[in-house]
Amino acid sequence: MKANKSDFMELVSELSTLIVVQRFGEDTFVDTDCGTRFGDEPQDYFNEQYDVVESMIANLLKIDIDELD
């Protein structure tokens, strides 16, 4: 089975979100007129964690992200 880029990105995003919520708790999200989003600091942390998680999974599973469909 070949990995799908969209599924890979969703996995990385979900794991990164779990890490952010564990760190910031109820301060993770803010409500805006457009809906709920990460606060500024949690968003920055999410971006950092996304890169870490993406690299970790790709390295452990020997996935070349650029080769995904």
Protein backbone atom coordinates (compact mmCIF):
# COMPACT_ATOMS: atom_id res chain seq x y z
CA MET A 1 0.00 0.00 0.00
CA LYS A 2 1.36 3.38 -0.99
CA ALA A 3 0.93 6.32 1.37
CA ASN A 4 -1.32 9.18 0.29
CA LYS A 5 0.00 12.73 0.85
CA SER A 6 -3.35 14.03 2.04
CA ASP A 7 -3.70 11.23 4.62
CA PHE A 8 -0.10 11.73 5.73
CA MET A 9 -0.70 15.46 6.23
CA GLU A 10 -3.90 14.77 8.15
CA LEU A 11 -2.07 12.37 10.47
CA VAL A 12 0.70 14.90 11.10
CA SER A 13 -1.84 17.66 11.72
CA GLU A 14 -3.92 15.58 14.14
CA LEU A 15 -0.85 14.52 16.16
CA SER A 16 0.47 18.08 16.21
CA THR A 17 -2.89 19.37 17.40
CA LEU A 18 -2.90 16.83 20.24
CA ILE A 19 0.53 18.06 21.33
CA VAL A 20 -0.60 21.71 21.22
CA VAL A 21 -3.77 21.02 23.21
CA GLN A 22 -1.76 19.11 25.82
CA ARG A 23 0.52 22.10 26.24
CA PHE A 24 -1.98 24.98 26.14
CA GLY A 25 -5.15 23.31 27.42
CA GLU A 26 -8.20 25.56 27.36
CA ASP A 27 -6.04 28.45 26.09
CA THR A 28 -5.42 26.63 22.80
CA PHE A 29 -8.36 28.00 20.84
CA VAL A 30 -9.94 31.42 20.41
CA ASP A 31 -13.37 32.22 19.03
CA THR A 32 -13.59 34.75 16.21
CA ASP A 33 -16.34 36.00 13.93
CA CYS A 34 -15.13 33.41 11.39
CA GLY A 35 -15.14 30.50 13.84
CA THR A 36 -12.69 28.85 16.21
CA ARG A 37 -8.95 28.88 15.56
CA PHE A 38 -5.66 28.48 17.38
CA GLY A 39 -4.54 31.46 19.44
CA ASP A 40 -1.35 33.18 18.22
CA GLU A 41 1.10 31.37 20.52
CA PRO A 42 -0.56 27.96 20.07
CA GLN A 43 -0.48 28.50 16.27
CA ASP A 44 3.26 29.20 16.37
CA TYR A 45 3.78 26.11 18.52
CA PHE A 46 1.62 24.02 16.15
CA ASN A 47 3.76 25.11 13.19
CA GLU A 48 6.92 24.04 15.03
CA GLN A 49 5.43 20.73 16.15
CA TYR A 50 4.07 19.99 12.68
CA ASP A 51 7.60 20.10 11.28
CA VAL A 52 8.93 17.91 14.11
CA VAL A 53 6.16 15.32 13.79
CA GLU A 54 6.34 15.28 9.99
CA SER A 55 10.10 14.66 10.05
CA MET A 56 9.81 12.04 12.77
CA ILE A 57 7.18 9.99 10.97
CA ALA A 58 8.87 10.32 7.59
CA ASN A 59 12.23 9.25 9.02
CA LEU A 60 10.89 6.35 11.08
CA LEU A 61 8.77 4.98 8.23
CA LYS A 62 11.34 5.90 5.56
CA ILE A 63 8.81 7.98 3.61
CA ASP A 64 9.98 10.53 1.06
CA ILE A 65 7.30 13.20 1.46
CA ASP A 66 7.98 14.58 -2.02
CA GLU A 67 7.21 11.14 -3.49
CA LEU A 68 3.73 10.88 -1.98
CA ASP A 69 0.69 11.00 -4.28
